[in-house]
PDB file of N, CA and C in Angstrom:
ATOM      1  N   UNK A   1     -29.387 -72.311  88.706  1.00  0.00           N
ATOM      2  CA  UNK A   1     -30.546 -72.326  89.563  1.00  0.00           C
ATOM      3  C   UNK A   1     -31.010 -73.752  89.748  1.00  0.00           C
ATOM      4  N   UNK A   2     -31.588 -73.999  90.882  1.00  0.00           N
ATOM      5  CA  UNK A   2     -32.116 -75.346  91.093  1.00  0.00           C
ATOM      6  C   UNK A   2     -33.401 -75.516  90.287  1.00  0.00           C
ATOM      7  N   UNK A   3     -33.850 -76.754  90.175  1.00  0.00           N
ATOM      8  CA  UNK A   3     -34.994 -77.056  89.324  1.00  0.00           C
ATOM      9  C   UNK A   3     -36.275 -76.372  89.801  1.00  0.00           C
ATOM     10  N   UNK A   4     -36.521 -76.366  91.112  1.00  0.00           N
ATOM     11  CA  UNK A   4     -37.773 -75.785  91.588  1.00  0.00           C
ATOM     12  C   UNK A   4     -37.796 -74.275  91.390  1.00  0.00           C
ATOM     13  N   UNK A   5     -36.616 -73.637  91.478  1.00  0.00           N
ATOM     14  CA  UNK A   5     -36.574 -72.184  91.255  1.00  0.00           C
ATOM     15  C   UNK A   5     -36.836 -71.858  89.790  1.00  0.00           C
ATOM     16  N   UNK A   6     -36.213 -72.602  88.893  1.00  0.00           N
ATOM     17  CA  UNK A   6     -36.431 -72.321  87.479  1.00  0.00           C
ATOM     18  C   UNK A   6     -37.864 -72.678  87.079  1.00  0.00           C
ATOM     19  N   UNK A   7     -38.439 -73.737  87.663  1.00  0.00           N
ATOM     20  CA  UNK A   7     -39.827 -74.086  87.379  1.00  0.00           C
ATOM     21  C   UNK A   7     -40.769 -73.013  87.893  1.00  0.00           C
ATOM     22  N   UNK A   8     -40.487 -72.488  89.093  1.00  0.00           N
ATOM     23  CA  UNK A   8     -41.348 -71.455  89.670  1.00  0.00           C
ATOM     24  C   UNK A   8     -41.281 -70.170  88.852  1.00  0.00           C
ATOM     25  N   UNK A   9     -40.087 -69.796  88.386  1.00  0.00           N
ATOM     26  CA  UNK A   9     -39.947 -68.549  87.635  1.00  0.00           C
ATOM     27  C   UNK A   9     -40.586 -68.644  86.251  1.00  0.00           C
ATOM     28  N   UNK A  10     -40.870 -69.825  85.773  1.00  0.00           N
ATOM     29  CA  UNK A  10     -41.549 -69.982  84.486  1.00  0.00           C
ATOM     30  C   UNK A  10     -43.067 -69.945  84.623  1.00  0.00           C
ATOM     31  N   UNK A  11     -43.585 -69.946  85.851  1.00  0.00           N
ATOM     32  CA  UNK A  11     -45.027 -69.845  86.056  1.00  0.00           C
ATOM     33  C   UNK A  11     -45.443 -68.381  85.963  1.00  0.00           C
ATOM     34  N   UNK A  12     -46.732 -68.144  85.839  1.00  0.00           N
ATOM     35  CA  UNK A  12     -47.239 -66.767  85.770  1.00  0.00           C
ATOM     36  C   UNK A  12     -46.969 -66.012  87.062  1.00  0.00           C
ATOM     37  N   UNK A  13     -47.112 -66.696  88.205  1.00  0.00           N
ATOM     38  CA  UNK A  13     -46.855 -66.045  89.491  1.00  0.00           C
ATOM     39  C   UNK A  13     -45.382 -65.673  89.626  1.00  0.00           C
ATOM     40  N   UNK A  14     -44.498 -66.549  89.197  1.00  0.00           N
ATOM     41  CA  UNK A  14     -43.074 -66.262  89.252  1.00  0.00           C
ATOM     42  C   UNK A  14     -42.697 -65.082  88.372  1.00  0.00           C
ATOM     43  N   UNK A  15     -43.281 -65.035  87.176  1.00  0.00           N
ATOM     44  CA  UNK A  15     -43.007 -63.911  86.281  1.00  0.00           C
ATOM     45  C   UNK A  15     -43.568 -62.617  86.839  1.00  0.00           C
ATOM     46  N   UNK A  16     -44.731 -62.690  87.473  1.00  0.00           N
ATOM     47  CA  UNK A  16     -45.318 -61.506  88.095  1.00  0.00           C
ATOM     48  C   UNK A  16     -44.430 -60.983  89.214  1.00  0.00           C
ATOM     49  N   UNK A  17     -43.946 -61.883  90.073  1.00  0.00           N
ATOM     50  CA  UNK A  17     -43.048 -61.469  91.154  1.00  0.00           C
ATOM     51  C   UNK A  17     -41.751 -60.884  90.615  1.00  0.00           C
ATOM     52  N   UNK A  18     -41.198 -61.494  89.592  1.00  0.00           N
ATOM     53  CA  UNK A  18     -39.981 -60.973  88.981  1.00  0.00           C
ATOM     54  C   UNK A  18     -40.219 -59.589  88.380  1.00  0.00           C
ATOM     55  N   UNK A  19     -41.366 -59.396  87.759  1.00  0.00           N
ATOM     56  CA  UNK A  19     -41.712 -58.088  87.204  1.00  0.00           C
ATOM     57  C   UNK A  19     -41.843 -57.027  88.280  1.00  0.00           C
ATOM     58  N   UNK A  20     -42.457 -57.382  89.411  1.00  0.00           N
ATOM     59  CA  UNK A  20     -42.602 -56.436  90.521  1.00  0.00           C
ATOM     60  C   UNK A  20     -41.237 -56.079  91.103  1.00  0.00           C
ATOM     61  N   UNK A  21     -40.362 -57.061  91.222  1.00  0.00           N
ATOM     62  CA  UNK A  21     -39.008 -56.801  91.734  1.00  0.00           C
ATOM     63  C   UNK A  21     -38.264 -55.875  90.791  1.00  0.00           C
ATOM     64  N   UNK A  22     -38.375 -56.107  89.497  1.00  0.00           N
ATOM     65  CA  UNK A  22     -37.703 -55.248  88.518  1.00  0.00           C
ATOM     66  C   UNK A  22     -38.241 -53.821  88.572  1.00  0.00           C
ATOM     67  N   UNK A  23     -39.560 -53.666  88.755  1.00  0.00           N
ATOM     68  CA  UNK A  23     -40.131 -52.325  88.863  1.00  0.00           C
ATOM     69  C   UNK A  23     -39.620 -51.607  90.111  1.00  0.00           C
ATOM     70  N   UNK A  24     -39.465 -52.348  91.207  1.00  0.00           N
ATOM     71  CA  UNK A  24     -38.941 -51.736  92.433  1.00  0.00           C
ATOM     72  C   UNK A  24     -37.492 -51.289  92.246  1.00  0.00           C
ATOM     73  N   UNK A  25     -36.696 -52.121  91.603  1.00  0.00           N
ATOM     74  CA  UNK A  25     -35.296 -51.758  91.344  1.00  0.00           C
ATOM     75  C   UNK A  25     -35.225 -50.555  90.406  1.00  0.00           C
ATOM     76  N   UNK A  26     -36.106 -50.513  89.410  1.00  0.00           N
ATOM     77  CA  UNK A  26     -36.129 -49.371  88.494  1.00  0.00           C
ATOM     78  C   UNK A  26     -36.480 -48.089  89.237  1.00  0.00           C
ATOM     79  N   UNK A  27     -37.401 -48.176  90.186  1.00  0.00           N
ATOM     80  CA  UNK A  27     -37.750 -47.006  90.989  1.00  0.00           C
ATOM     81  C   UNK A  27     -36.579 -46.509  91.811  1.00  0.00           C
ATOM     82  N   UNK A  28     -35.822 -47.424  92.371  1.00  0.00           N
ATOM     83  CA  UNK A  28     -34.636 -47.029  93.132  1.00  0.00           C
ATOM     84  C   UNK A  28     -33.592 -46.379  92.231  1.00  0.00           C
ATOM     85  N   UNK A  29     -33.400 -46.918  91.040  1.00  0.00           N
ATOM     86  CA  UNK A  29     -32.435 -46.334  90.108  1.00  0.00           C
ATOM     87  C   UNK A  29     -32.862 -44.941  89.653  1.00  0.00           C
ATOM     88  N   UNK A  30     -34.164 -44.745  89.473  1.00  0.00           N
ATOM     89  CA  UNK A  30     -34.651 -43.423  89.084  1.00  0.00           C
ATOM     90  C   UNK A  30     -34.373 -42.405  90.186  1.00  0.00           C
ATOM     91  N   UNK A  31     -34.527 -42.811  91.444  1.00  0.00           N
ATOM     92  CA  UNK A  31     -34.210 -41.906  92.544  1.00  0.00           C
ATOM     93  C   UNK A  31     -32.724 -41.596  92.591  1.00  0.00           C
ATOM     94  N   UNK A  32     -31.883 -42.558  92.261  1.00  0.00           N
ATOM     95  CA  UNK A  32     -30.450 -42.295  92.213  1.00  0.00           C
ATOM     96  C   UNK A  32     -30.102 -41.304  91.105  1.00  0.00           C
ATOM     97  N   UNK A  33     -30.806 -41.381  89.978  1.00  0.00           N
ATOM     98  CA  UNK A  33     -30.579 -40.435  88.887  1.00  0.00           C
ATOM     99  C   UNK A  33     -30.923 -39.024  89.340  1.00  0.00           C
ATOM    100  N   UNK A  34     -31.984 -38.892  90.122  1.00  0.00           N
ATOM    101  CA  UNK A  34     -32.378 -37.573  90.597  1.00  0.00           C
ATOM    102  C   UNK A  34     -31.341 -36.973  91.534  1.00  0.00           C
ATOM    103  N   UNK A  35     -30.556 -37.807  92.194  1.00  0.00           N
ATOM    104  CA  UNK A  35     -29.498 -37.291  93.060  1.00  0.00           C
ATOM    105  C   UNK A  35     -28.403 -36.604  92.257  1.00  0.00           C
ATOM    106  N   UNK A  36     -28.216 -37.000  91.011  1.00  0.00           N
ATOM    107  CA  UNK A  36     -27.196 -36.388  90.167  1.00  0.00           C
ATOM    108  C   UNK A  36     -27.518 -34.928  89.841  1.00  0.00           C
ATOM    109  N   UNK A  37     -28.770 -34.517  89.998  1.00  0.00           N
ATOM    110  CA  UNK A  37     -29.134 -33.134  89.707  1.00  0.00           C
ATOM    111  C   UNK A  37     -28.453 -32.160  90.667  1.00  0.00           C
ATOM    112  N   UNK A  38     -28.081 -32.639  91.843  1.00  0.00           N
ATOM    113  CA  UNK A  38     -27.475 -31.770  92.845  1.00  0.00           C
ATOM    114  C   UNK A  38     -25.963 -31.679  92.722  1.00  0.00           C
ATOM    115  N   UNK A  39     -25.362 -32.494  91.895  1.00  0.00           N
ATOM    116  CA  UNK A  39     -23.913 -32.544  91.804  1.00  0.00           C
ATOM    117  C   UNK A  39     -23.435 -32.124  90.421  1.00  0.00           C
ATOM    118  N   UNK A  40     -22.264 -31.543  90.388  1.00  0.00           N
ATOM    119  CA  UNK A  40     -21.612 -31.213  89.135  1.00  0.00           C
ATOM    120  C   UNK A  40     -20.367 -32.090  89.033  1.00  0.00           C
ATOM    121  N   UNK A  41     -20.344 -32.953  88.040  1.00  0.00           N
ATOM    122  CA  UNK A  41     -19.229 -33.877  87.867  1.00  0.00           C
ATOM    123  C   UNK A  41     -18.386 -33.373  86.697  1.00  0.00           C
ATOM    124  N   UNK A  42     -17.138 -33.093  86.987  1.00  0.00           N
ATOM    125  CA  UNK A  42     -16.246 -32.585  85.944  1.00  0.00           C
ATOM    126  C   UNK A  42     -15.016 -33.480  85.843  1.00  0.00           C
ATOM    127  N   UNK A  43     -14.475 -33.528  84.643  1.00  0.00           N
ATOM    128  CA  UNK A  43     -13.205 -34.223  84.426  1.00  0.00           C
ATOM    129  C   UNK A  43     -12.255 -33.247  83.751  1.00  0.00           C
ATOM    130  N   UNK A  44     -10.984 -33.430  84.008  1.00  0.00           N
ATOM    131  CA  UNK A  44      -9.964 -32.587  83.398  1.00  0.00           C
ATOM    132  C   UNK A  44      -9.103 -33.442  82.491  1.00  0.00           C
ATOM    133  N   UNK A  45      -9.066 -33.053  81.223  1.00  0.00           N
ATOM    134  CA  UNK A  45      -8.240 -33.735  80.233  1.00  0.00           C
ATOM    135  C   UNK A  45      -7.294 -32.692  79.658  1.00  0.00           C
ATOM    136  N   UNK A  46      -6.022 -32.927  79.833  1.00  0.00           N
ATOM    137  CA  UNK A  46      -5.047 -31.927  79.420  1.00  0.00           C
ATOM    138  C   UNK A  46      -5.213 -30.704  80.301  1.00  0.00           C
ATOM    139  N   UNK A  47      -5.463 -29.567  79.710  1.00  0.00           N
ATOM    140  CA  UNK A  47      -5.707 -28.361  80.483  1.00  0.00           C
ATOM    141  C   UNK A  47      -7.166 -27.953  80.466  1.00  0.00           C
ATOM    142  N   UNK A  48      -8.035 -28.763  79.858  1.00  0.00           N
ATOM    143  CA  UNK A  48      -9.451 -28.419  79.722  1.00  0.00           C
ATOM    144  C   UNK A  48     -10.296 -29.188  80.723  1.00  0.00           C
ATOM    145  N   UNK A  49     -11.296 -28.515  81.267  1.00  0.00           N
ATOM    146  CA  UNK A  49     -12.221 -29.133  82.211  1.00  0.00           C
ATOM    147  C   UNK A  49     -13.580 -29.267  81.525  1.00  0.00           C
ATOM    148  N   UNK A  50     -14.156 -30.468  81.609  1.00  0.00           N
ATOM    149  CA  UNK A  50     -15.435 -30.747  80.968  1.00  0.00           C
ATOM    150  C   UNK A  50     -16.446 -31.172  82.014  1.00  0.00           C
ATOM    151  N   UNK A  51     -17.677 -30.671  81.867  1.00  0.00           N
ATOM    152  CA  UNK A  51     -18.770 -31.068  82.749  1.00  0.00           C
ATOM    153  C   UNK A  51     -19.483 -32.259  82.105  1.00  0.00           C
ATOM    154  N   UNK A  52     -19.455 -33.412  82.761  1.00  0.00           N
ATOM    155  CA  UNK A  52     -20.056 -34.624  82.196  1.00  0.00           C
ATOM    156  C   UNK A  52     -21.303 -35.061  82.959  1.00  0.00           C
ATOM    157  N   UNK A  53     -21.879 -34.162  83.735  1.00  0.00           N
ATOM    158  CA  UNK A  53     -23.060 -34.510  84.528  1.00  0.00           C
ATOM    159  C   UNK A  53     -24.212 -34.950  83.638  1.00  0.00           C
ATOM    160  N   UNK A  54     -24.488 -34.216  82.563  1.00  0.00           N
ATOM    161  CA  UNK A  54     -25.614 -34.544  81.683  1.00  0.00           C
ATOM    162  C   UNK A  54     -25.414 -35.894  81.002  1.00  0.00           C
ATOM    163  N   UNK A  55     -24.196 -36.188  80.615  1.00  0.00           N
ATOM    164  CA  UNK A  55     -23.910 -37.471  79.958  1.00  0.00           C
ATOM    165  C   UNK A  55     -24.159 -38.624  80.931  1.00  0.00           C
ATOM    166  N   UNK A  56     -23.704 -38.485  82.160  1.00  0.00           N
ATOM    167  CA  UNK A  56     -23.926 -39.537  83.155  1.00  0.00           C
ATOM    168  C   UNK A  56     -25.400 -39.699  83.492  1.00  0.00           C
ATOM    169  N   UNK A  57     -26.142 -38.597  83.551  1.00  0.00           N
ATOM    170  CA  UNK A  57     -27.581 -38.683  83.824  1.00  0.00           C
ATOM    171  C   UNK A  57     -28.288 -39.476  82.731  1.00  0.00           C
ATOM    172  N   UNK A  58     -27.917 -39.237  81.492  1.00  0.00           N
ATOM    173  CA  UNK A  58     -28.547 -39.958  80.385  1.00  0.00           C
ATOM    174  C   UNK A  58     -28.201 -41.442  80.436  1.00  0.00           C
ATOM    175  N   UNK A  59     -26.942 -41.766  80.688  1.00  0.00           N
ATOM    176  CA  UNK A  59     -26.528 -43.168  80.745  1.00  0.00           C
ATOM    177  C   UNK A  59     -27.196 -43.908  81.901  1.00  0.00           C
ATOM    178  N   UNK A  60     -27.235 -43.297  83.063  1.00  0.00           N
ATOM    179  CA  UNK A  60     -27.819 -43.958  84.232  1.00  0.00           C
ATOM    180  C   UNK A  60     -29.335 -44.045  84.090  1.00  0.00           C
ATOM    181  N   UNK A  61     -29.968 -43.076  83.436  1.00  0.00           N
ATOM    182  CA  UNK A  61     -31.421 -43.107  83.251  1.00  0.00           C
ATOM    183  C   UNK A  61     -31.834 -44.168  82.237  1.00  0.00           C
ATOM    184  N   UNK A  62     -30.926 -44.621  81.407  1.00  0.00           N
ATOM    185  CA  UNK A  62     -31.242 -45.623  80.393  1.00  0.00           C
ATOM    186  C   UNK A  62     -31.554 -46.985  81.022  1.00  0.00           C
ATOM    187  N   UNK A  63     -30.861 -47.337  82.094  1.00  0.00           N
ATOM    188  CA  UNK A  63     -31.044 -48.652  82.715  1.00  0.00           C
ATOM    189  C   UNK A  63     -32.420 -48.829  83.360  1.00  0.00           C
ATOM    190  N   UNK A  64     -32.985 -47.829  84.072  1.00  0.00           N
ATOM    191  CA  UNK A  64     -34.349 -48.027  84.585  1.00  0.00           C
ATOM    192  C   UNK A  64     -35.374 -48.216  83.472  1.00  0.00           C
ATOM    193  N   UNK A  65     -35.159 -47.559  82.341  1.00  0.00           N
ATOM    194  CA  UNK A  65     -36.096 -47.720  81.222  1.00  0.00           C
ATOM    195  C   UNK A  65     -36.064 -49.162  80.721  1.00  0.00           C
ATOM    196  N   UNK A  66     -34.873 -49.731  80.606  1.00  0.00           N
ATOM    197  CA  UNK A  66     -34.760 -51.130  80.188  1.00  0.00           C
ATOM    198  C   UNK A  66     -35.393 -52.070  81.205  1.00  0.00           C
ATOM    199  N   UNK A  67     -35.205 -51.777  82.499  1.00  0.00           N
ATOM    200  CA  UNK A  67     -35.816 -52.607  83.540  1.00  0.00           C
ATOM    201  C   UNK A  67     -37.341 -52.524  83.491  1.00  0.00           C
ATOM    202  N   UNK A  68     -37.871 -51.349  83.250  1.00  0.00           N
ATOM    203  CA  UNK A  68     -39.325 -51.193  83.173  1.00  0.00           C
ATOM    204  C   UNK A  68     -39.880 -51.969  81.992  1.00  0.00           C
ATOM    205  N   UNK A  69     -39.216 -51.892  80.846  1.00  0.00           N
ATOM    206  CA  UNK A  69     -39.667 -52.642  79.667  1.00  0.00           C
ATOM    207  C   UNK A  69     -39.617 -54.144  79.938  1.00  0.00           C
ATOM    208  N   UNK A  70     -38.541 -54.604  80.556  1.00  0.00           N
ATOM    209  CA  UNK A  70     -38.412 -56.025  80.877  1.00  0.00           C
ATOM    210  C   UNK A  70     -39.467 -56.456  81.892  1.00  0.00           C
ATOM    211  N   UNK A  71     -39.747 -55.602  82.880  1.00  0.00           N
ATOM    212  CA  UNK A  71     -40.763 -55.935  83.885  1.00  0.00           C
ATOM    213  C   UNK A  71     -42.138 -56.015  83.252  1.00  0.00           C
ATOM    214  N   UNK A  72     -42.441 -55.110  82.329  1.00  0.00           N
ATOM    215  CA  UNK A  72     -43.731 -55.146  81.655  1.00  0.00           C
ATOM    216  C   UNK A  72     -43.895 -56.442  80.872  1.00  0.00           C
ATOM    217  N   UNK A  73     -42.821 -56.887  80.224  1.00  0.00           N
ATOM    218  CA  UNK A  73     -42.898 -58.161  79.483  1.00  0.00           C
ATOM    219  C   UNK A  73     -43.097 -59.325  80.445  1.00  0.00           C
ATOM    220  N   UNK A  74     -42.438 -59.288  81.609  1.00  0.00           N
ATOM    221  CA  UNK A  74     -42.615 -60.362  82.585  1.00  0.00           C
ATOM    222  C   UNK A  74     -44.037 -60.405  83.115  1.00  0.00           C
ATOM    223  N   UNK A  75     -44.625 -59.231  83.315  1.00  0.00           N
ATOM    224  CA  UNK A  75     -45.990 -59.169  83.842  1.00  0.00           C
ATOM    225  C   UNK A  75     -47.000 -59.624  82.789  1.00  0.00           C
ATOM    226  N   UNK A  76     -46.654 -59.458  81.526  1.00  0.00           N
ATOM    227  CA  UNK A  76     -47.540 -59.922  80.459  1.00  0.00           C
ATOM    228  C   UNK A  76     -47.963 -58.831  79.507  1.00  0.00           C
ATOM    229  N   UNK A  77     -47.429 -57.628  79.683  1.00  0.00           N
ATOM    230  CA  UNK A  77     -47.752 -56.523  78.803  1.00  0.00           C
ATOM    231  C   UNK A  77     -46.721 -56.514  77.680  1.00  0.00           C
ATOM    232  N   UNK A  78     -47.191 -56.668  76.454  1.00  0.00           N
ATOM    233  CA  UNK A  78     -46.270 -56.700  75.311  1.00  0.00           C
ATOM    234  C   UNK A  78     -46.135 -55.288  74.759  1.00  0.00           C
ATOM    235  N   UNK A  79     -44.900 -54.812  74.683  1.00  0.00           N
ATOM    236  CA  UNK A  79     -44.636 -53.470  74.149  1.00  0.00           C
ATOM    237  C   UNK A  79     -44.085 -53.572  72.748  1.00  0.00           C
TER     238      UNK A  79
END
């Protein structure tokens, strides 16, 4: 990053903007997780078929939680 960008992101306003951006991205990811409720994802290993929809929902839902925690820290809320 250039010097002015890194200097700006270290200010309170820069951290606030970064936190808001992270919250927006987390909201989009949460909506994508909700789309998985309509689909059944299965894999076939050998002769057995396994439904992995719940596993994928948990994994994908984990990332918005991390983004929300990171955004809260950027905004100034200590968890």
